[in-house]
């Protein structure tokens, strides 16, 4: 029997048919998604992890989390997947669970496919401690990164560190860089961050120690890269080095990548804090002041030249 609906335009059987079609479509889509999930679940752990990395890079944190967890289910001891889960939880603000996964990854650090992966995890842990206001844990985590830097920690290098600092304090930055080089190390950011930390707490000598090392690492990298293009290049002064780096399109990225202007500004502040009578801080501030390309660090250096203060990092 056929009934006409009250609007006179469609029949109940037509509406029922439409609902049935919509239901079938929904079920088809659901089955397709479920099939995809089941298929992924059967993938080997490394493939699930790679899918998680791709999703993470695209900002799809929920999908990435599912893949990382799937990888762990397939391979319970998979530190990279543990770290991936920890990174996502950290971004979501779930700091407690994030630290559990990140520390679990560090406990398995000997199994990392890329040995230096532990540095990235430690930097993330340090960031969490800073956000939580756990000052001592923040220091400890950064110091653990620096422990891996033999040019800073080894007893054999201690006398060299003292000599570098003495040359800097007596003869200035350019003379120090003429005499010494320090290879770039993953601890570069840890030295910079501890420099900021000690400046904030007005521990200027400790800040200077770390920031001198950071500036030497970054400067050594820039000089080395410049010599690949100009084999006969010899360092003469900081302004000239920056001019050469900035004028070469293939090298300009180094300044931003290593936060070089920031390091030089921080080094000048620490130097002023240790001894305001020395001209070395003014020299470094002046170089930044003359370079609009240094952005905020040029403007801050200009302010320091007008009214120098060792505690200028309060608003850092």
Protein backbone atom coordinates (compact mmCIF):
# COMPACT_ATOMS: atom_id res chain seq x y z
CA UNK A 1 0.00 0.00 0.00
CA UNK A 2 1.26 3.50 -0.84
CA UNK A 3 0.65 6.49 1.48
CA UNK A 4 1.17 10.09 0.50
CA UNK A 5 2.76 12.38 3.12
CA UNK A 6 0.85 15.40 4.34
CA UNK A 7 2.96 17.85 2.33
CA UNK A 8 1.86 16.15 -0.82
CA UNK A 9 5.35 16.05 -2.28
CA UNK A 10 6.94 12.81 -1.15
CA UNK A 11 5.86 9.41 -0.03
CA UNK A 12 6.83 7.70 3.20
CA UNK A 13 8.36 4.90 1.16
CA UNK A 14 10.62 7.44 -0.58
CA UNK A 15 11.75 8.84 2.76
CA UNK A 16 12.38 5.37 4.15
CA UNK A 17 14.42 4.58 1.07
CA UNK A 18 16.52 7.75 1.57
CA UNK A 19 17.16 6.89 5.20
CA UNK A 20 18.16 3.38 4.24
CA UNK A 21 20.61 4.66 1.61
CA UNK A 22 22.14 7.11 4.10
CA UNK A 23 22.50 4.34 6.65
CA UNK A 24 24.18 2.08 4.15
CA UNK A 25 26.59 4.87 3.17
CA UNK A 26 27.47 5.53 6.82
CA UNK A 27 28.05 1.83 7.47
CA UNK A 28 30.23 1.56 4.36
CA UNK A 29 32.39 4.51 5.45
CA UNK A 30 32.64 3.11 8.99
CA UNK A 31 33.69 -0.31 7.70
CA UNK A 32 36.28 1.32 5.43
CA UNK A 33 37.76 3.25 8.36
CA UNK A 34 37.72 0.17 10.56
CA UNK A 35 39.42 -1.85 7.85
CA UNK A 36 42.13 0.81 7.61
CA UNK A 37 42.64 0.75 11.37
CA UNK A 38 42.87 -3.05 11.39
CA UNK A 39 45.31 -2.93 8.47
CA UNK A 40 47.53 -0.44 10.31
CA UNK A 41 47.37 -2.59 13.44
CA UNK A 42 48.97 -5.43 11.50
CA UNK A 43 51.82 -3.27 10.22
CA UNK A 44 55.31 -3.87 11.65
CA UNK A 45 56.37 -1.60 14.50
CA UNK A 46 58.84 0.45 12.46
CA UNK A 47 56.19 1.23 9.81
CA UNK A 48 53.68 2.32 12.45
CA UNK A 49 56.37 4.53 13.96
CA UNK A 50 57.15 6.13 10.58
CA UNK A 51 53.45 6.81 10.05
CA UNK A 52 53.38 8.38 13.50
CA UNK A 53 56.31 10.63 12.61
CA UNK A 54 54.60 11.78 9.41
CA UNK A 55 51.38 12.56 11.27
CA UNK A 56 53.32 14.38 14.00
CA UNK A 57 55.12 16.55 11.43
CA UNK A 58 51.74 17.43 9.89
CA UNK A 59 50.30 18.41 13.27
CA UNK A 60 47.94 15.42 13.41
CA UNK A 61 48.74 14.62 17.03
CA UNK A 62 45.84 12.23 17.63
CA UNK A 63 46.73 10.10 14.62
CA UNK A 64 50.43 10.22 15.54
CA UNK A 65 49.64 9.08 19.08
CA UNK A 66 47.65 6.12 17.77
CA UNK A 67 50.53 5.03 15.53
CA UNK A 68 53.16 5.43 18.25
CA UNK A 69 51.06 3.37 20.65
CA UNK A 70 50.53 0.77 17.94
CA UNK A 71 54.29 0.59 17.42
CA UNK A 72 54.79 -0.02 21.15
CA UNK A 73 52.19 -2.76 21.13
CA UNK A 74 54.10 -4.51 18.36
CA UNK A 75 57.50 -3.89 19.96
CA UNK A 76 57.37 -3.17 23.73
CA UNK A 77 60.97 -1.92 23.83
CA UNK A 78 60.87 0.85 21.24
CA UNK A 79 62.41 4.04 22.75
CA UNK A 80 61.68 6.19 19.71
CA UNK A 81 57.96 5.40 19.99
CA UNK A 82 58.05 6.06 23.75
CA UNK A 83 59.67 9.42 23.00
CA UNK A 84 57.05 10.20 20.36
CA UNK A 85 54.24 9.63 22.86
CA UNK A 86 56.06 11.79 25.39
CA UNK A 87 56.51 14.63 22.88
CA UNK A 88 52.79 14.62 22.05
CA UNK A 89 51.74 14.57 25.71
CA UNK A 90 54.15 17.44 26.41
CA UNK A 91 52.57 19.50 23.63
CA UNK A 92 49.15 18.75 25.08
CA UNK A 93 50.27 19.96 28.51
CA UNK A 94 50.09 16.52 30.16
CA UNK A 95 53.52 16.99 31.70
CA UNK A 96 53.42 14.17 34.26
CA UNK A 97 52.62 11.37 31.77
CA UNK A 98 54.96 13.00 29.24
CA UNK A 99 57.88 12.75 31.65
CA UNK A 100 57.08 9.08 32.32
CA UNK A 101 57.35 8.24 28.62
CA UNK A 102 60.35 10.48 27.95
CA UNK A 103 62.30 9.06 30.88
CA UNK A 104 61.36 5.55 29.81
CA UNK A 105 62.83 6.34 26.39
CA UNK A 106 66.04 7.59 28.02
CA UNK A 107 66.27 4.37 30.04
CA UNK A 108 66.45 2.55 26.70
CA UNK A 109 68.81 5.08 25.08
CA UNK A 110 71.32 2.37 24.12
CA UNK A 111 68.70 1.02 21.68
CA UNK A 112 68.23 4.26 19.74
CA UNK A 113 68.81 3.86 16.02
CA UNK A 114 70.25 7.40 16.05
CA UNK A 115 72.38 7.68 19.20
CA UNK A 116 72.06 11.47 19.46
CA UNK A 117 68.27 11.19 19.72
CA UNK A 118 68.62 11.40 23.49
CA UNK A 119 69.60 15.07 23.21
CA UNK A 120 66.22 15.99 21.71
CA UNK A 121 64.46 14.15 24.53
CA UNK A 122 66.53 15.86 27.23
CA UNK A 123 65.80 19.29 25.75
CA UNK A 124 62.08 18.48 25.86
CA UNK A 125 62.37 17.37 29.48
CA UNK A 126 64.25 20.57 30.33
CA UNK A 127 61.47 22.62 28.71
CA UNK A 128 58.86 20.83 30.81
CA UNK A 129 60.79 21.50 34.02
CA UNK A 130 61.14 25.17 33.09
CA UNK A 131 57.39 25.50 32.46
CA UNK A 132 56.67 23.82 35.79
CA UNK A 133 59.10 26.07 37.63
CA UNK A 134 61.32 23.16 38.70
CA UNK A 135 64.55 25.15 38.67
CA UNK A 136 66.93 22.52 39.99
CA UNK A 137 65.60 19.81 37.67
CA UNK A 138 65.88 22.26 34.75
CA UNK A 139 69.53 22.95 35.58
CA UNK A 140 70.26 19.27 36.10
CA UNK A 141 68.79 18.26 32.76
CA UNK A 142 70.77 20.87 30.83
CA UNK A 143 73.93 19.97 32.75
CA UNK A 144 73.38 16.33 31.76
CA UNK A 145 73.41 17.39 28.12
CA UNK A 146 76.63 19.33 28.68
CA UNK A 147 78.20 16.31 30.38
CA UNK A 148 78.41 14.83 26.88
CA UNK A 149 80.52 17.78 25.67
CA UNK A 150 84.14 16.72 26.17
CA UNK A 151 85.36 20.19 25.16
CA UNK A 152 83.67 21.51 28.29
CA UNK A 153 83.64 18.71 30.83
CA UNK A 154 86.82 16.69 30.46
CA UNK A 155 89.63 17.42 32.95
CA UNK A 156 92.05 17.81 30.06
CA UNK A 157 89.95 20.65 28.69
CA UNK A 158 89.55 22.53 31.96
CA UNK A 159 92.88 24.33 31.62
CA UNK A 160 91.98 25.28 28.03
CA UNK A 161 88.65 26.71 29.19
CA UNK A 162 90.46 28.79 31.79
CA UNK A 163 92.96 29.99 29.18
CA UNK A 164 90.22 30.92 26.72
CA UNK A 165 88.37 32.91 29.33
CA UNK A 166 91.56 34.69 30.42
CA UNK A 167 92.37 35.69 26.83
CA UNK A 168 88.82 36.94 26.35
CA UNK A 169 88.84 39.02 29.52
CA UNK A 170 92.26 40.52 28.76
CA UNK A 171 92.34 40.85 24.98
CA UNK A 172 88.70 40.55 23.90
CA UNK A 173 86.57 38.39 21.63
CA UNK A 174 88.57 38.69 18.41
CA UNK A 175 91.85 37.63 19.96
CA UNK A 176 90.19 34.66 21.62
CA UNK A 177 88.69 33.52 18.32
CA UNK A 178 92.02 33.90 16.54
CA UNK A 179 93.61 31.51 19.02
CA UNK A 180 90.86 29.00 19.82
CA UNK A 181 88.25 26.88 18.07
CA UNK A 182 85.61 24.60 19.63
CA UNK A 183 83.72 22.13 17.43
CA UNK A 184 79.95 22.40 17.28
CA UNK A 185 78.18 20.01 19.67
CA UNK A 186 74.50 19.25 20.44
CA UNK A 187 75.11 20.99 23.78
CA UNK A 188 75.15 24.41 22.07
CA UNK A 189 71.57 25.23 23.12
CA UNK A 190 72.19 23.91 26.64
CA UNK A 191 75.10 26.34 27.03
CA UNK A 192 72.91 29.18 25.75
CA UNK A 193 69.97 28.28 27.98
CA UNK A 194 72.14 27.93 31.06
CA UNK A 195 73.72 31.27 30.17
CA UNK A 196 70.25 32.84 30.26
CA UNK A 197 69.43 31.01 33.48
CA UNK A 198 72.56 32.23 35.27
CA UNK A 199 72.12 35.77 33.96
CA UNK A 200 68.64 35.82 35.45
CA UNK A 201 70.00 34.67 38.80
CA UNK A 202 72.90 37.16 38.52
CA UNK A 203 75.53 34.40 38.53
CA UNK A 204 77.57 36.23 35.91
CA UNK A 205 80.75 34.14 36.02
CA UNK A 206 78.79 30.92 35.46
CA UNK A 207 76.86 32.59 32.64
CA UNK A 208 80.09 33.79 31.02
CA UNK A 209 81.58 30.29 31.14
CA UNK A 210 78.67 28.78 29.21
CA UNK A 211 78.18 31.67 26.79
CA UNK A 212 81.86 31.77 25.83
CA UNK A 213 81.61 28.09 24.93
CA UNK A 214 78.39 28.67 22.97
CA UNK A 215 79.93 31.59 21.06
CA UNK A 216 83.05 29.59 20.24
CA UNK A 217 81.06 26.60 19.01
CA UNK A 218 78.85 28.75 16.79
CA UNK A 219 81.75 30.89 15.52
CA UNK A 220 83.85 27.82 14.73
CA UNK A 221 80.99 26.39 12.66
CA UNK A 222 80.60 29.63 10.69
CA UNK A 223 84.34 29.93 10.02
CA UNK A 224 84.48 26.29 8.92
CA UNK A 225 81.53 26.72 6.53
CA UNK A 226 83.01 29.93 5.14
CA UNK A 227 86.31 28.18 4.45
CA UNK A 228 84.51 25.58 2.34
CA UNK A 229 83.68 28.44 -0.02
CA UNK A 230 86.81 30.55 0.53
CA UNK A 231 89.63 28.17 1.45
CA UNK A 232 92.11 30.98 2.17
CA UNK A 233 89.80 32.80 4.58
CA UNK A 234 91.41 33.87 7.87
CA UNK A 235 89.43 35.32 10.75
CA UNK A 236 90.24 38.96 11.57
CA UNK A 237 87.26 40.37 13.49
CA UNK A 238 83.63 39.62 14.30
CA UNK A 239 82.11 42.37 12.15
CA UNK A 240 84.00 41.13 9.10
CA UNK A 241 82.98 37.51 9.76
CA UNK A 242 79.31 38.45 10.04
CA UNK A 243 79.56 40.54 6.86
CA UNK A 244 80.91 37.54 4.95
CA UNK A 245 78.26 35.19 6.32
CA UNK A 246 75.36 37.59 5.74
CA UNK A 247 76.42 38.37 2.17
CA UNK A 248 76.46 34.72 1.09
CA UNK A 249 73.00 33.24 0.50
CA UNK A 250 74.26 29.73 1.10
CA UNK A 251 75.54 30.61 4.57
CA UNK A 252 73.10 33.19 5.93
CA UNK A 253 70.90 30.51 7.48
CA UNK A 254 73.65 29.68 9.99
CA UNK A 255 73.05 32.85 12.00
CA UNK A 256 69.38 32.04 12.61
CA UNK A 257 69.94 28.30 13.00
CA UNK A 258 72.44 28.77 15.84
CA UNK A 259 70.78 31.93 17.25
CA UNK A 260 74.12 33.62 16.85
CA UNK A 261 73.03 37.23 17.40
CA UNK A 262 71.31 36.19 20.60
CA UNK A 263 74.41 34.38 21.85
CA UNK A 264 76.61 37.41 21.19
CA UNK A 265 74.15 39.69 22.99
CA UNK A 266 73.99 37.36 25.99
CA UNK A 267 77.78 37.07 26.06
CA UNK A 268 78.07 40.86 26.17
CA UNK A 269 75.61 41.02 29.07
CA UNK A 270 77.50 38.36 31.02
CA UNK A 271 80.79 40.14 30.36
CA UNK A 272 79.38 43.40 31.65
CA UNK A 273 78.07 41.61 34.74
CA UNK A 274 81.50 40.14 35.50
CA UNK A 275 83.42 43.40 34.95
CA UNK A 276 81.58 46.58 33.84
CA UNK A 277 84.89 48.41 33.40
CA UNK A 278 86.08 46.26 30.48
CA UNK A 279 85.34 47.43 26.92
CA UNK A 280 84.49 43.98 25.60
CA UNK A 281 80.73 44.14 26.26
CA UNK A 282 80.49 47.52 24.53
CA UNK A 283 82.40 46.12 21.53
CA UNK A 284 79.92 43.26 21.11
CA UNK A 285 76.86 45.46 21.66
CA UNK A 286 78.20 47.93 19.09
CA UNK A 287 78.52 45.23 16.44
CA UNK A 288 74.90 44.19 16.98
CA UNK A 289 73.74 47.82 17.10
CA UNK A 290 75.23 48.40 13.63
CA UNK A 291 73.38 45.44 12.13
CA UNK A 292 69.65 45.96 11.53
CA UNK A 293 69.61 42.33 10.40
CA UNK A 294 70.10 41.37 14.05
CA UNK A 295 66.52 42.48 14.72
CA UNK A 296 65.54 42.53 18.38
CA UNK A 297 69.14 41.88 19.41
CA UNK A 298 70.24 45.00 17.55
CA UNK A 299 67.57 47.02 19.36
CA UNK A 300 68.46 45.57 22.73
CA UNK A 301 72.15 46.22 22.12
CA UNK A 302 71.30 49.83 21.29
CA UNK A 303 69.52 50.09 24.62
CA UNK A 304 72.51 48.65 26.43
CA UNK A 305 74.83 51.15 24.77
CA UNK A 306 72.61 53.99 26.02
CA UNK A 307 72.08 52.60 29.51
CA UNK A 308 74.11 49.45 30.24
CA UNK A 309 72.67 47.10 32.84
CA UNK A 310 73.77 43.66 33.91
CA UNK A 311 70.16 42.73 34.73
CA UNK A 312 68.74 43.61 31.30
CA UNK A 313 67.44 40.05 30.92
CA UNK A 314 64.51 40.53 33.28
CA UNK A 315 62.18 40.82 30.26
CA UNK A 316 63.99 38.13 28.21
